[in-house]
Amino acid sequence: MYEVFDSHRSRYASVGIVSSMPGELIDSIWVIIDLDLKGVIPLSNLIAFDLINNNGTVTMHFSQEDSNVEMAIDLPFPYSYDLPKEVYAYDDGSRQTILLPSETN
């Protein structure tokens, strides 16, 4: 069995993510997973982040199915209404990908 979101495995962002989010927000998702979530709560292989406007800056709100644990992390990056409202991080056991909900099928 593998450990989900092991930082030593390959990590990617989908085309939809790269075209709709700045790199620092993409990197922030991996940092949040590694420093704020991993080892603190059990993670499933699919986790969600809502991008919220917090007085002009981004707040990322973490959640996952079958868990009532949620967490909001304030970031110093400007919010834009062009950002996706929700993104997923998915770990298939060999690589990890950040993707839009529309890219999961």
N, C-alpha and C. Protein backbone atom coordinates (compact mmCIF):
# COMPACT_ATOMS: atom_id res chain seq x y z
N MET A 1 0.84 -1.19 0.00
CA MET A 1 0.00 0.00 0.00
C MET A 1 0.88 1.25 0.00
N TYR A 2 0.44 2.25 -0.69
CA TYR A 2 1.22 3.48 -0.78
C TYR A 2 0.65 4.54 0.15
N GLU A 3 1.48 5.48 0.49
CA GLU A 3 1.07 6.61 1.32
C GLU A 3 0.60 7.73 0.39
N VAL A 4 -0.63 8.20 0.57
CA VAL A 4 -1.16 9.24 -0.32
C VAL A 4 -0.41 10.55 -0.11
N PHE A 5 -0.22 11.24 -1.21
CA PHE A 5 0.42 12.55 -1.26
C PHE A 5 1.81 12.55 -0.63
N ASP A 6 2.57 11.51 -0.95
CA ASP A 6 3.98 11.45 -0.57
C ASP A 6 4.73 12.47 -1.43
N SER A 7 5.43 13.39 -0.79
CA SER A 7 6.09 14.48 -1.52
C SER A 7 7.26 14.00 -2.39
N HIS A 8 7.62 12.73 -2.30
CA HIS A 8 8.72 12.22 -3.12
C HIS A 8 8.26 11.66 -4.47
N ARG A 9 6.96 11.66 -4.72
CA ARG A 9 6.46 11.19 -6.01
C ARG A 9 6.24 12.37 -6.94
N SER A 10 6.10 12.08 -8.21
CA SER A 10 5.91 13.11 -9.24
C SER A 10 4.62 13.88 -9.01
N ARG A 11 4.72 15.19 -9.23
CA ARG A 11 3.56 16.07 -9.06
C ARG A 11 3.36 16.90 -10.32
N TYR A 12 2.07 17.06 -10.67
CA TYR A 12 1.72 17.75 -11.90
C TYR A 12 0.54 18.68 -11.68
N ALA A 13 0.32 19.53 -12.64
CA ALA A 13 -0.89 20.35 -12.73
C ALA A 13 -1.45 20.14 -14.13
N SER A 14 -2.76 20.00 -14.22
CA SER A 14 -3.40 19.77 -15.52
C SER A 14 -3.31 21.03 -16.38
N VAL A 15 -3.60 20.87 -17.64
CA VAL A 15 -3.62 22.01 -18.57
C VAL A 15 -4.63 23.05 -18.11
N GLY A 16 -5.80 22.59 -17.67
CA GLY A 16 -6.83 23.51 -17.20
C GLY A 16 -6.37 24.33 -16.00
N ILE A 17 -5.64 23.70 -15.09
CA ILE A 17 -5.13 24.41 -13.92
C ILE A 17 -4.06 25.41 -14.33
N VAL A 18 -3.11 24.96 -15.14
CA VAL A 18 -2.01 25.85 -15.55
C VAL A 18 -2.53 27.07 -16.30
N SER A 19 -3.61 26.88 -17.06
CA SER A 19 -4.14 28.00 -17.83
C SER A 19 -5.08 28.90 -17.03
N SER A 20 -5.46 28.49 -15.81
CA SER A 20 -6.41 29.29 -15.04
C SER A 20 -5.91 29.77 -13.69
N MET A 21 -4.71 29.32 -13.28
CA MET A 21 -4.17 29.71 -11.97
C MET A 21 -2.72 30.10 -12.09
N PRO A 22 -2.29 31.13 -11.37
CA PRO A 22 -0.86 31.46 -11.36
C PRO A 22 -0.06 30.37 -10.64
N GLY A 23 1.19 30.25 -11.01
CA GLY A 23 2.06 29.22 -10.46
C GLY A 23 2.17 29.25 -8.95
N GLU A 24 2.17 30.45 -8.35
CA GLU A 24 2.31 30.51 -6.89
C GLU A 24 1.10 29.91 -6.17
N LEU A 25 -0.07 29.97 -6.77
CA LEU A 25 -1.24 29.32 -6.16
C LEU A 25 -1.16 27.81 -6.31
N ILE A 26 -0.68 27.36 -7.46
CA ILE A 26 -0.49 25.91 -7.67
C ILE A 26 0.51 25.39 -6.66
N ASP A 27 1.64 26.08 -6.53
CA ASP A 27 2.66 25.67 -5.56
C ASP A 27 2.11 25.69 -4.13
N SER A 28 1.25 26.66 -3.84
CA SER A 28 0.66 26.76 -2.49
C SER A 28 -0.15 25.54 -2.13
N ILE A 29 -0.82 24.93 -3.10
CA ILE A 29 -1.60 23.72 -2.82
C ILE A 29 -0.68 22.61 -2.34
N TRP A 30 0.46 22.44 -3.02
CA TRP A 30 1.39 21.39 -2.59
C TRP A 30 1.96 21.70 -1.21
N VAL A 31 2.25 22.96 -0.93
CA VAL A 31 2.77 23.35 0.38
C VAL A 31 1.73 23.09 1.47
N ILE A 32 0.48 23.44 1.20
CA ILE A 32 -0.59 23.19 2.16
C ILE A 32 -0.72 21.69 2.44
N ILE A 33 -0.68 20.88 1.39
CA ILE A 33 -0.76 19.43 1.58
C ILE A 33 0.40 18.95 2.44
N ASP A 34 1.62 19.37 2.11
CA ASP A 34 2.82 18.88 2.80
C ASP A 34 2.95 19.39 4.23
N LEU A 35 2.63 20.66 4.46
CA LEU A 35 2.90 21.25 5.76
C LEU A 35 1.68 21.33 6.69
N ASP A 36 0.49 21.46 6.13
CA ASP A 36 -0.69 21.67 6.96
C ASP A 36 -1.60 20.45 7.07
N LEU A 37 -1.57 19.56 6.08
CA LEU A 37 -2.51 18.44 6.07
C LEU A 37 -1.85 17.10 6.34
N LYS A 38 -0.78 16.81 5.60
CA LYS A 38 -0.11 15.52 5.67
C LYS A 38 0.38 15.27 7.10
N GLY A 39 0.02 14.14 7.65
CA GLY A 39 0.44 13.79 9.00
C GLY A 39 -0.43 14.39 10.08
N VAL A 40 -1.33 15.31 9.70
CA VAL A 40 -2.22 15.92 10.68
C VAL A 40 -3.58 15.23 10.66
N ILE A 41 -4.08 14.97 9.44
CA ILE A 41 -5.35 14.26 9.29
C ILE A 41 -5.17 13.17 8.23
N PRO A 42 -5.94 12.10 8.31
CA PRO A 42 -5.88 11.08 7.25
C PRO A 42 -6.43 11.67 5.95
N LEU A 43 -5.68 11.50 4.88
CA LEU A 43 -6.09 12.04 3.58
C LEU A 43 -6.55 10.92 2.66
N SER A 44 -7.60 11.19 1.91
CA SER A 44 -8.01 10.28 0.86
C SER A 44 -7.20 10.61 -0.39
N ASN A 45 -7.38 9.86 -1.45
CA ASN A 45 -6.59 10.12 -2.66
C ASN A 45 -7.17 11.25 -3.51
N LEU A 46 -8.33 11.80 -3.11
CA LEU A 46 -8.92 12.94 -3.80
C LEU A 46 -9.35 13.96 -2.76
N ILE A 47 -8.73 15.13 -2.81
CA ILE A 47 -9.09 16.20 -1.88
C ILE A 47 -9.45 17.45 -2.67
N ALA A 48 -10.25 18.29 -2.05
CA ALA A 48 -10.78 19.47 -2.74
C ALA A 48 -10.33 20.75 -2.05
N PHE A 49 -10.16 21.79 -2.85
CA PHE A 49 -9.88 23.12 -2.35
C PHE A 49 -10.81 24.11 -3.04
N ASP A 50 -11.56 24.86 -2.25
CA ASP A 50 -12.34 25.97 -2.77
C ASP A 50 -11.47 27.21 -2.69
N LEU A 51 -11.49 28.02 -3.74
CA LEU A 51 -10.76 29.29 -3.74
C LEU A 51 -11.76 30.39 -3.42
N ILE A 52 -11.53 31.08 -2.32
CA ILE A 52 -12.49 32.04 -1.79
C ILE A 52 -11.88 33.43 -1.78
N ASN A 53 -12.70 34.43 -2.09
CA ASN A 53 -12.29 35.82 -2.02
C ASN A 53 -12.37 36.27 -0.56
N ASN A 54 -11.23 36.60 0.01
CA ASN A 54 -11.14 37.05 1.39
C ASN A 54 -10.63 38.49 1.41
N ASN A 55 -11.52 39.43 1.17
CA ASN A 55 -11.15 40.85 1.13
C ASN A 55 -10.05 41.13 0.12
N GLY A 56 -10.16 40.50 -1.05
CA GLY A 56 -9.22 40.75 -2.13
C GLY A 56 -8.03 39.82 -2.20
N THR A 57 -7.90 38.92 -1.23
CA THR A 57 -6.84 37.92 -1.30
C THR A 57 -7.47 36.52 -1.30
N VAL A 58 -6.67 35.52 -1.59
CA VAL A 58 -7.16 34.14 -1.73
C VAL A 58 -7.14 33.43 -0.38
N THR A 59 -8.24 32.78 -0.08
CA THR A 59 -8.29 31.79 0.99
C THR A 59 -8.58 30.45 0.34
N MET A 60 -7.79 29.43 0.67
CA MET A 60 -8.04 28.08 0.17
C MET A 60 -8.71 27.28 1.28
N HIS A 61 -9.87 26.73 0.95
CA HIS A 61 -10.65 25.95 1.90
C HIS A 61 -10.56 24.48 1.53
N PHE A 62 -9.94 23.68 2.39
CA PHE A 62 -9.75 22.25 2.18
C PHE A 62 -10.94 21.46 2.68
N SER A 63 -11.32 20.42 1.92
CA SER A 63 -12.31 19.44 2.37
C SER A 63 -12.09 18.14 1.60
N GLN A 64 -12.69 17.07 2.11
CA GLN A 64 -12.67 15.80 1.40
C GLN A 64 -13.92 15.01 1.78
N GLU A 65 -14.34 14.14 0.86
CA GLU A 65 -15.53 13.32 1.10
C GLU A 65 -15.33 12.42 2.31
N ASP A 66 -16.43 12.12 2.98
CA ASP A 66 -16.44 11.21 4.13
C ASP A 66 -15.60 11.72 5.29
N SER A 67 -15.42 13.03 5.39
CA SER A 67 -14.69 13.61 6.51
C SER A 67 -15.35 14.93 6.88
N ASN A 68 -15.48 15.18 8.15
CA ASN A 68 -16.02 16.47 8.58
C ASN A 68 -14.91 17.45 8.93
N VAL A 69 -13.66 17.08 8.68
CA VAL A 69 -12.53 17.98 8.91
C VAL A 69 -12.39 18.92 7.73
N GLU A 70 -12.38 20.20 8.04
CA GLU A 70 -12.18 21.24 7.03
C GLU A 70 -11.15 22.22 7.55
N MET A 71 -10.50 22.91 6.63
CA MET A 71 -9.48 23.87 7.03
C MET A 71 -9.43 24.99 5.99
N ALA A 72 -9.30 26.21 6.44
CA ALA A 72 -9.15 27.35 5.55
C ALA A 72 -7.78 27.98 5.79
N ILE A 73 -7.07 28.23 4.70
CA ILE A 73 -5.72 28.79 4.78
C ILE A 73 -5.71 30.10 4.00
N ASP A 74 -5.41 31.18 4.67
CA ASP A 74 -5.30 32.49 4.02
C ASP A 74 -3.95 32.61 3.33
N LEU A 75 -3.98 33.09 2.10
CA LEU A 75 -2.76 33.26 1.32
C LEU A 75 -2.57 34.73 0.97
N PRO A 76 -1.34 35.16 0.71
CA PRO A 76 -1.09 36.57 0.43
C PRO A 76 -1.25 36.96 -1.04
N PHE A 77 -1.92 36.13 -1.82
CA PHE A 77 -2.03 36.38 -3.25
C PHE A 77 -3.37 37.03 -3.58
N PRO A 78 -3.37 37.93 -4.57
CA PRO A 78 -4.62 38.61 -4.91
C PRO A 78 -5.65 37.65 -5.51
N TYR A 79 -6.89 37.85 -5.11
CA TYR A 79 -7.99 37.06 -5.64
C TYR A 79 -8.44 37.65 -6.97
N SER A 80 -8.82 36.79 -7.89
CA SER A 80 -9.39 37.20 -9.16
C SER A 80 -10.63 36.35 -9.42
N TYR A 81 -11.67 36.97 -9.94
CA TYR A 81 -12.87 36.21 -10.27
C TYR A 81 -12.65 35.29 -11.46
N ASP A 82 -11.50 35.37 -12.11
CA ASP A 82 -11.14 34.45 -13.19
C ASP A 82 -10.60 33.13 -12.66
N LEU A 83 -10.26 33.07 -11.39
CA LEU A 83 -9.76 31.82 -10.80
C LEU A 83 -10.88 30.79 -10.75
N PRO A 84 -10.53 29.51 -10.83
CA PRO A 84 -11.56 28.49 -10.64
C PRO A 84 -12.11 28.57 -9.22
N LYS A 85 -13.35 28.20 -9.05
CA LYS A 85 -13.97 28.22 -7.72
C LYS A 85 -13.53 27.02 -6.88
N GLU A 86 -13.22 25.90 -7.55
CA GLU A 86 -12.82 24.69 -6.86
C GLU A 86 -11.78 23.95 -7.69
N VAL A 87 -10.81 23.35 -7.01
CA VAL A 87 -9.81 22.51 -7.66
C VAL A 87 -9.65 21.24 -6.82
N TYR A 88 -9.17 20.19 -7.47
CA TYR A 88 -8.92 18.93 -6.80
C TYR A 88 -7.43 18.60 -6.85
N ALA A 89 -6.98 17.88 -5.82
CA ALA A 89 -5.68 17.23 -5.86
C ALA A 89 -5.95 15.73 -5.82
N TYR A 90 -5.35 15.00 -6.77
CA TYR A 90 -5.61 13.57 -6.92
C TYR A 90 -4.30 12.81 -6.91
N ASP A 91 -4.26 11.73 -6.15
CA ASP A 91 -3.09 10.86 -6.07
C ASP A 91 -3.50 9.48 -6.54
N ASP A 92 -2.93 9.04 -7.68
CA ASP A 92 -3.30 7.73 -8.22
C ASP A 92 -2.34 6.62 -7.79
N GLY A 93 -1.43 6.93 -6.90
CA GLY A 93 -0.48 5.93 -6.41
C GLY A 93 0.89 6.05 -7.03
N SER A 94 0.99 6.68 -8.20
CA SER A 94 2.30 6.86 -8.82
C SER A 94 2.59 8.33 -9.11
N ARG A 95 1.54 9.11 -9.30
CA ARG A 95 1.74 10.55 -9.49
C ARG A 95 0.56 11.30 -8.91
N GLN A 96 0.80 12.57 -8.67
CA GLN A 96 -0.21 13.43 -8.07
C GLN A 96 -0.49 14.58 -9.02
N THR A 97 -1.77 14.95 -9.14
CA THR A 97 -2.15 15.96 -10.11
C THR A 97 -3.17 16.91 -9.48
N ILE A 98 -2.99 18.19 -9.73
CA ILE A 98 -4.00 19.18 -9.39
C ILE A 98 -4.81 19.40 -10.66
N LEU A 99 -6.15 19.32 -10.55
CA LEU A 99 -6.99 19.41 -11.73
C LEU A 99 -8.31 20.10 -11.41
N LEU A 100 -8.96 20.55 -12.45
CA LEU A 100 -10.28 21.15 -12.33
C LEU A 100 -11.33 20.04 -12.18
N PRO A 101 -12.45 20.32 -11.52
CA PRO A 101 -13.50 19.30 -11.41
C PRO A 101 -13.94 18.76 -12.77
N SER A 102 -13.96 19.61 -13.79
CA SER A 102 -14.37 19.17 -15.13
C SER A 102 -13.36 18.21 -15.77
N GLU A 103 -12.17 18.10 -15.22
CA GLU A 103 -11.12 17.24 -15.78
C GLU A 103 -11.05 15.88 -15.10
N THR A 104 -11.98 15.58 -14.19
CA THR A 104 -11.91 14.33 -13.46
C THR A 104 -12.50 13.15 -14.20
N ASN A 105 -13.23 13.36 -15.25
CA ASN A 105 -13.87 12.25 -15.95
C ASN A 105 -12.99 11.67 -17.01
